């Protein structure tokens, strides 16, 4: 039999379904739905292709883009009006969100993920009455991390402080993943305005807490899953966070990522059991990372770790570094489940941190090339890196480098790194990262650095050895800021 002229539509429906399921469902809908073929329409209206629709493109540099206007036009005009009753989940960009949501009623829609969310959405009625799962993702996650806490200049997170309970109210929402500015905002979310909430994931941006407001302190018996990431003040931990956790009597999954400066409470296994676990009889999964700066002497890793096996089933590890006036102390569960790890130093353990995409390195001794080789092996998915170190690298390395020798047999490659902060780093580390004989940064787009240090390392923006790693930089944050630059400067980073 001659099979040369076989047509796609000659294939059995089962085979067509198998082929289409291997393709992106948005591509299938855009290319094949509503093209005057009833058989194709019937196949493509299967739940596999219509339950979840993603209208956001994510680039290799982690930028979020809307789909093109012609594609959006076709979906809004020809496709969504005919399949809206099948749609259960939408992934949207705030720029096109309104148009998509107003196309139809989406009677079965229960989950929305919004990138670059704008709280002044005209579709708030939908959020309040119908949505059970809401995830908000913001464009600028963490741009700048200071020595003891991280902040941003413009972070469009949710602020509920002193707003009425009718703000951000929903009688159906059961799952919420959100970033907020203040700890107050978390307390507002838990004051009864989200009556069906059982899953809450919160990242708090601002360390400040000085509220005099009186909040609802009822038992949060419906909450089953709680994730909190917060760089908090010591008194906030003792006076606010611990009492909040004790209200979660039926919690089953708890994830805590807390960084605390000037801590007086030593967080070890006994503290975690007596202050947290003993109040949660249904808790079966507990992941934590506590980073504290505490004025204690004679801390020993083995003494700390030997307590945990009788308290918690997961493996636990810790890091201890003695500084001038205090001890920097990390204790965390393994495998490490968080995307952020702050203030590590040369003592970090030989562990693969598969989930970490944001890392802060802070040390008081020199960090050599071999240290950063360890970093790239232990943090394979790293996207955002901040180095705090005012100690120069070894004189031998600098002397060899000045002789223009081929120093390193292994060039360190950070395959996903997009953001690098060297504002509080000795100039040697600018050389370490920008010199393409030492480090390869194929997707670096955001760089924070001292202007004069960068000018020196790049030899007034003429050094070819440091040119390659600067070529794709789109956002250059320098201190002090300079309003006028040379032609060599703009040629060095043509994407600015």
Foldseek 3Di string as FASTA:
>chain_A
DDPPPDDPVVDDLVVVLVVCLVDQLLVLCQPQAPPPDVVSPVSSLPLSNAAEDEQWDADLLGAIDGPDPVSVVCCLPPNCVVNLCSYAEYEEEQVCVLSSCPSDPSQNHAEYEYEQDDLPDPVVVCVAEHHAYYHYHYRCDFFAADDQGTADPDDPFDDCPPNDLCRPAHARHAEYAGEHADPVVVLSVVQCRHPNHAYYAYEYHYQDDDDPDDGRLAQPANHAYYHYAHAYEQCCVVPPVLSNLLSHQAYAAYEEEYEYEAHADDDALVCCCVRHVVSHPNHDYYWYKYKYWYQDPDDDFVVRQVNNVVRHVFHKGKDWDDDDGTITIMITTPPHDDQEDEADELRDDQAANARHQAYEHADAEADDLVSVLSVCRRDVNHAEYEYAYAYAHDPVVVVVVVVVDLPDPDAAENPRHAYYECARPHLNVVLQDQQRSHYDYQRHAYYEYAPVSVCVSCVNLPNPRRQNNQQRHQHYHYPPDDDDHDPSVCVSHVND
